[in-house]
Amino acid sequence: MKTNLDALLTALYVHLDDRVLPLRQPLPRRGRRPTLTDAELVCVAVAQVLLRCDEERRWLRIAPARIGHLFPRLPCQAQYNRHLRQLGPVWVAVACWLARATPTWHERLRLMDGTPVRCGASRVTVHRSALGEIAGYGHDTSHHAFWGAKLMLITTAEGTVTAFSLAHPKELDERKQSLHLLHVRPPAEGPCPIVCDKGFAGAGIEAAAARLGYVLIRPRRHDEPQPAPGQVVPSWLRQRIEAVIWTWKNQLGLERHQARTTDGLWARISQRIVALNAAIWHNWLIDAPVKRSLIAYDH
């Protein structure tokens, strides 16, 4: 079973080194040359997430035994963490390339939802944390009050992330954040319907999304008339995005990100999104029956 993860990392490295990263302008660097190239670091970070190793120090202790035959040179924890945080634009480029490389990118349907990313649970953490520019107090219907950031996701029906953004929960509410995401990072090649929840109800957001070429499909609110039979959203389709978020928060450790800075939080969220997209992309390559399954890569 270990060969599945080895095959994923090998295929991902080859495609990143040949097709994705050479097209980008190299990032400015200071000091010593890093131990790993950008393509190698992305693969090592993906392996960390898929093997469910949340702590970087522990990961670098077990990595030689698990992926040492693929990456014989591994950095120390400080260099590994610093290199991860420096790859902000690279994470987005890799996630978008993986999304476009999956066959479901061409489907004319997207799912959209937001979820809180908790960054602290005590008042002392709130006052001392360096995450103040992106984290704040917010309220979510299903999660009650929280201190953290708001993650907005747009995925395909199978779970591949096509667009994502992170915002302060008070500076941008869920509707404004979704419109900003649709404007700056189109989740599809052309106009398409987007399935969302009741929180995106409103004539303003629906008109703004329509001007961008997207039709928002959501469940009916209690104060609205009964929709036509062809406009009813299946419950299983609305719950698909919730299943994808559950995969991030539990299997991929989003709830245990342990970030202390804004750059670190963005890097850890992007790292997990790239890991999920890479697993779905590779499952398509090997024709796995369940495209979002991570069982073959977590040991």
Protein backbone atom coordinates (compact mmCIF):
# COMPACT_ATOMS: atom_id res chain seq x y z
CA MET A 1 0.00 0.00 0.00
CA LYS A 2 2.95 2.36 0.44
CA THR A 3 3.53 2.44 -3.30
CA ASN A 4 0.35 4.51 -3.80
CA LEU A 5 1.77 7.48 -1.91
CA ASP A 6 5.12 7.02 -3.66
CA ALA A 7 3.38 7.04 -7.04
CA LEU A 8 1.42 10.19 -6.16
CA LEU A 9 4.54 12.07 -5.01
CA THR A 10 6.53 10.96 -8.06
CA ALA A 11 3.82 11.99 -10.52
CA LEU A 12 3.22 15.28 -8.71
CA TYR A 13 6.92 16.15 -8.66
CA VAL A 14 7.34 15.42 -12.37
CA HIS A 15 4.37 17.57 -13.37
CA LEU A 16 5.31 20.44 -11.04
CA ASP A 17 8.93 20.47 -12.13
CA ASP A 18 8.11 20.24 -15.85
CA ARG A 19 4.80 22.06 -16.35
CA VAL A 20 3.85 24.31 -13.42
CA LEU A 21 6.80 25.91 -11.65
CA PRO A 22 9.00 26.62 -14.72
CA LEU A 23 6.25 28.95 -16.00
CA ARG A 24 6.42 31.08 -12.87
CA GLN A 25 8.94 33.82 -12.15
CA PRO A 26 11.33 32.63 -9.40
CA LEU A 27 10.61 34.07 -5.97
CA PRO A 28 13.29 36.40 -4.53
CA ARG A 29 15.33 34.66 -1.86
CA ARG A 30 17.82 35.74 0.77
CA GLY A 31 20.52 33.85 2.54
CA ARG A 32 21.50 30.28 1.81
CA ARG A 33 20.08 28.21 -0.98
CA PRO A 34 17.25 26.04 0.42
CA THR A 35 17.80 22.31 0.84
CA LEU A 36 14.71 21.47 -1.23
CA THR A 37 13.50 22.99 -4.46
CA ASP A 38 9.97 24.40 -4.59
CA ALA A 39 8.66 21.26 -6.33
CA GLU A 40 10.31 19.00 -3.77
CA LEU A 41 8.98 21.05 -0.87
CA VAL A 42 5.40 20.90 -2.20
CA CYS A 43 5.66 17.10 -2.45
CA VAL A 44 7.10 16.76 1.05
CA ALA A 45 4.37 19.03 2.45
CA VAL A 46 1.67 17.01 0.65
CA ALA A 47 3.07 13.80 2.13
CA GLN A 48 2.98 15.36 5.61
CA VAL A 49 -0.72 16.16 5.28
CA LEU A 50 -1.75 12.85 3.74
CA LEU A 51 0.12 10.92 6.45
CA ARG A 52 -1.75 12.97 9.09
CA CYS A 53 1.35 14.33 10.79
CA ASP A 54 0.37 17.75 12.13
CA GLU A 55 3.56 18.66 14.02
CA GLU A 56 6.45 19.67 11.78
CA ARG A 57 9.14 18.55 14.21
CA ARG A 58 7.64 15.07 14.45
CA TRP A 59 7.15 14.93 10.70
CA LEU A 60 10.81 15.69 10.00
CA ARG A 61 11.81 12.91 12.42
CA ILE A 62 9.71 10.25 10.68
CA ALA A 63 10.04 11.58 7.12
CA PRO A 64 13.44 9.93 6.42
CA ALA A 65 11.98 6.51 7.18
CA ARG A 66 8.82 7.11 5.17
CA ILE A 67 9.87 9.18 2.14
CA GLY A 68 13.67 9.17 2.52
CA HIS A 69 14.04 6.97 -0.54
CA LEU A 70 12.36 9.72 -2.60
CA PHE A 71 13.86 12.79 -0.87
CA PRO A 72 17.20 11.91 0.75
CA ARG A 73 17.89 15.57 1.65
CA LEU A 74 15.48 17.08 4.17
CA PRO A 75 15.81 20.47 5.90
CA CYS A 76 15.66 21.28 9.59
CA GLN A 77 12.38 22.37 11.14
CA ALA A 78 13.16 26.11 11.02
CA GLN A 79 14.14 26.05 7.35
CA TYR A 80 11.17 23.84 6.46
CA ASN A 81 8.72 26.20 8.17
CA ARG A 82 10.29 29.30 6.61
CA HIS A 83 10.25 27.78 3.13
CA LEU A 84 6.59 26.80 3.50
CA ARG A 85 5.63 30.37 4.38
CA GLN A 86 7.58 31.80 1.43
CA LEU A 87 5.59 29.78 -1.10
CA GLY A 88 2.36 31.78 -0.85
CA PRO A 89 1.80 32.38 -4.60
CA VAL A 90 3.14 28.91 -5.48
CA TRP A 91 0.47 27.19 -3.36
CA VAL A 92 -2.30 28.95 -5.27
CA ALA A 93 -0.73 28.14 -8.64
CA VAL A 94 -0.35 24.46 -7.78
CA ALA A 95 -3.90 24.16 -6.40
CA CYS A 96 -5.36 25.80 -9.51
CA TRP A 97 -3.29 23.64 -11.86
CA LEU A 98 -4.40 20.45 -10.10
CA ALA A 99 -8.02 21.58 -10.28
CA ARG A 100 -7.76 22.27 -14.02
CA ALA A 101 -6.04 18.91 -14.59
CA THR A 102 -8.99 16.92 -13.24
CA PRO A 103 -11.80 15.98 -15.67
CA THR A 104 -14.50 17.51 -13.44
CA TRP A 105 -13.07 20.99 -14.07
CA HIS A 106 -15.13 21.02 -17.29
CA GLU A 107 -18.40 20.26 -15.48
CA ARG A 108 -20.86 23.16 -15.37
CA LEU A 109 -21.60 22.95 -11.64
CA ARG A 110 -19.84 24.26 -8.54
CA LEU A 111 -20.46 24.08 -4.79
CA MET A 112 -19.74 27.02 -2.47
CA ASP A 113 -19.64 27.35 1.30
CA GLY A 114 -17.71 29.07 4.05
CA THR A 115 -16.29 27.60 7.23
CA PRO A 116 -14.56 29.15 10.26
CA VAL A 117 -10.91 28.37 10.91
CA ARG A 118 -10.34 28.60 14.64
CA CYS A 119 -7.05 30.20 15.68
CA GLY A 120 -7.40 30.47 19.46
CA ALA A 121 -9.61 29.51 22.37
CA SER A 122 -8.44 31.75 25.22
CA ARG A 123 -8.43 35.49 25.78
CA VAL A 124 -4.66 35.43 26.39
CA THR A 125 -4.13 33.92 22.94
CA VAL A 126 -6.31 36.60 21.36
CA HIS A 127 -4.25 39.42 22.89
CA ARG A 128 -0.84 37.87 22.22
CA SER A 129 -1.39 36.22 18.84
CA ALA A 130 0.22 37.59 15.69
CA LEU A 131 -2.89 36.59 13.73
CA GLY A 132 -4.79 39.76 14.62
CA GLU A 133 -4.74 41.14 11.06
CA ILE A 134 -6.63 38.12 9.67
CA ALA A 135 -8.38 36.65 12.73
CA GLY A 136 -11.21 38.09 14.77
CA TYR A 137 -14.38 37.24 16.62
CA GLY A 138 -17.11 35.85 14.42
CA HIS A 139 -20.31 33.88 14.67
CA ASP A 140 -21.36 30.88 12.67
CA THR A 141 -24.81 29.31 12.86
CA SER A 142 -23.49 25.80 13.32
CA HIS A 143 -20.29 26.63 15.21
CA HIS A 144 -21.48 29.43 17.50
CA ALA A 145 -18.92 32.11 18.39
CA PHE A 146 -15.28 31.64 17.43
CA TRP A 147 -12.01 33.56 17.17
CA GLY A 148 -10.28 32.96 13.88
CA ALA A 149 -10.62 33.53 10.15
CA LYS A 150 -13.28 32.72 7.58
CA LEU A 151 -12.40 30.32 4.78
CA MET A 152 -14.50 30.48 1.60
CA LEU A 153 -14.39 27.48 -0.73
CA ILE A 154 -15.69 26.75 -4.21
CA THR A 155 -15.38 23.12 -5.29
CA THR A 156 -16.53 20.72 -7.96
CA ALA A 157 -19.17 18.12 -7.12
CA GLU A 158 -16.46 15.59 -6.22
CA GLY A 159 -14.53 17.95 -3.92
CA THR A 160 -11.73 19.45 -6.02
CA VAL A 161 -11.10 23.02 -4.85
CA THR A 162 -11.29 25.45 -7.76
CA ALA A 163 -11.11 28.71 -5.74
CA PHE A 164 -10.58 29.67 -2.10
CA SER A 165 -9.94 32.75 0.02
CA LEU A 166 -9.30 33.67 3.63
CA ALA A 167 -10.76 36.77 5.25
CA HIS A 168 -11.37 38.49 8.58
CA PRO A 169 -14.86 37.44 9.80
CA LYS A 170 -15.88 41.04 10.63
CA GLU A 171 -14.25 42.97 7.82
CA LEU A 172 -15.88 40.80 5.13
CA ASP A 173 -19.08 38.89 5.75
CA GLU A 174 -19.86 35.66 3.92
CA ARG A 175 -21.66 37.34 1.03
CA LYS A 176 -19.04 40.00 0.34
CA GLN A 177 -16.25 37.44 0.60
CA SER A 178 -17.96 35.12 -1.89
CA LEU A 179 -18.51 37.95 -4.41
CA HIS A 180 -14.90 39.05 -4.07
CA LEU A 181 -13.74 35.48 -4.65
CA LEU A 182 -15.93 35.07 -7.73
CA HIS A 183 -14.57 38.34 -9.10
CA VAL A 184 -10.83 37.82 -8.57
CA ARG A 185 -10.62 34.04 -9.08
CA PRO A 186 -13.23 32.56 -11.44
CA PRO A 187 -13.98 28.98 -10.35
CA ALA A 188 -14.86 27.78 -13.87
CA GLU A 189 -14.08 28.54 -17.50
CA GLY A 190 -17.47 30.14 -18.09
CA PRO A 191 -20.87 30.86 -16.53
CA CYS A 192 -22.16 28.06 -14.35
CA PRO A 193 -24.64 27.47 -11.51
CA ILE A 194 -23.29 27.44 -7.96
CA VAL A 195 -25.04 25.48 -5.21
CA CYS A 196 -24.85 27.20 -1.81
CA ASP A 197 -26.81 27.38 1.45
CA LYS A 198 -29.43 29.79 2.82
CA GLY A 199 -26.78 32.20 4.07
CA PHE A 200 -26.32 33.47 0.51
CA ALA A 201 -29.95 34.51 0.14
CA GLY A 202 -30.70 38.05 -1.00
CA ALA A 203 -31.52 39.94 -4.15
CA GLY A 204 -28.29 41.95 -3.99
CA ILE A 205 -25.88 39.03 -3.95
CA GLU A 206 -27.90 37.11 -6.54
CA ALA A 207 -27.88 40.08 -8.92
CA ALA A 208 -24.15 40.69 -8.38
CA ALA A 209 -23.37 37.02 -9.02
CA ALA A 210 -25.55 37.06 -12.14
CA ARG A 211 -23.58 40.00 -13.52
CA LEU A 212 -20.45 37.87 -13.16
CA GLY A 213 -22.15 34.99 -14.97
CA TYR A 214 -23.07 32.75 -12.01
CA VAL A 215 -26.51 31.59 -10.89
CA LEU A 216 -26.78 30.91 -7.16
CA ILE A 217 -28.92 27.87 -6.33
CA ARG A 218 -29.89 27.51 -2.69
CA PRO A 219 -32.62 25.99 -0.50
CA ARG A 220 -35.82 27.91 0.06
CA ARG A 221 -36.10 30.04 3.17
CA HIS A 222 -39.19 29.77 5.36
CA ASP A 223 -40.41 33.24 4.38
CA GLU A 224 -40.20 32.55 0.62
CA PRO A 225 -42.83 31.01 -1.68
CA GLN A 226 -42.61 27.36 -2.63
CA PRO A 227 -40.22 26.90 -5.59
CA ALA A 228 -41.08 25.06 -8.77
CA PRO A 229 -40.28 21.30 -8.82
CA GLY A 230 -37.37 21.83 -11.22
CA GLN A 231 -35.78 24.41 -8.91
CA VAL A 232 -35.54 22.22 -5.82
CA VAL A 233 -31.93 21.49 -4.78
CA PRO A 234 -31.34 17.83 -3.80
CA SER A 235 -30.32 17.52 -0.16
CA TRP A 236 -27.45 15.16 -0.98
CA LEU A 237 -25.93 17.76 -3.30
CA ARG A 238 -26.13 20.49 -0.66
CA GLN A 239 -24.40 18.22 1.85
CA ARG A 240 -21.55 17.34 -0.51
CA ILE A 241 -19.60 20.50 0.33
CA GLU A 242 -20.07 19.76 4.04
CA ALA A 243 -18.49 16.34 3.49
CA VAL A 244 -15.54 17.99 1.76
CA ILE A 245 -15.07 20.42 4.67
CA TRP A 246 -15.25 17.50 7.10
CA THR A 247 -12.43 15.83 5.17
CA TRP A 248 -10.24 18.93 5.55
CA LYS A 249 -10.95 19.46 9.22
CA ASN A 250 -10.61 15.85 10.35
CA GLN A 251 -8.60 13.70 7.95
CA LEU A 252 -6.33 16.51 6.75
CA GLY A 253 -6.03 18.26 10.13
CA LEU A 254 -7.32 21.75 9.35
CA GLU A 255 -8.58 22.08 12.95
CA ARG A 256 -5.03 21.31 14.15
CA HIS A 257 -3.14 23.78 11.94
CA GLN A 258 -1.12 25.28 14.88
CA ALA A 259 -0.40 28.47 12.92
CA ARG A 260 0.96 31.50 14.80
CA THR A 261 1.29 34.06 12.00
CA THR A 262 -0.81 35.13 9.02
CA ASP A 263 1.69 33.72 6.52
CA GLY A 264 1.81 30.46 8.46
CA LEU A 265 -1.98 30.16 8.51
CA TRP A 266 -2.24 30.76 4.76
CA ALA A 267 0.54 28.24 4.10
CA ARG A 268 -1.06 25.52 6.23
CA ILE A 269 -4.51 26.00 4.70
CA SER A 270 -3.07 26.02 1.17
CA GLN A 271 -0.97 22.97 2.01
CA ARG A 272 -4.09 20.98 2.88
CA ILE A 273 -6.02 22.17 -0.16
CA VAL A 274 -3.15 21.15 -2.44
CA ALA A 275 -2.97 17.75 -0.72
CA LEU A 276 -6.68 17.07 -1.32
CA ASN A 277 -6.53 18.26 -4.94
CA ALA A 278 -3.43 16.12 -5.52
CA ALA A 279 -5.13 13.01 -4.11
CA ILE A 280 -8.24 13.54 -6.29
CA TRP A 281 -6.05 14.24 -9.33
CA HIS A 282 -4.04 11.05 -8.80
CA ASN A 283 -7.18 9.00 -8.15
CA TRP A 284 -8.36 10.05 -11.60
CA LEU A 285 -5.01 9.00 -13.09
CA ILE A 286 -5.19 5.50 -11.58
CA ASP A 287 -8.98 5.25 -12.11
CA ALA A 288 -9.80 4.78 -8.43
CA PRO A 289 -13.49 4.07 -7.74
CA VAL A 290 -13.84 6.85 -5.13
CA LYS A 291 -12.07 10.00 -6.25
CA ARG A 292 -11.98 11.75 -2.84
CA SER A 293 -10.72 8.70 -0.95
CA LEU A 294 -7.46 9.18 0.99
CA ILE A 295 -7.19 5.66 2.41
CA ALA A 296 -4.47 4.58 0.00
CA TYR A 297 -2.21 7.51 0.99
CA ASP A 298 -2.51 7.83 4.78
CA HIS A 299 -0.12 5.05 5.85
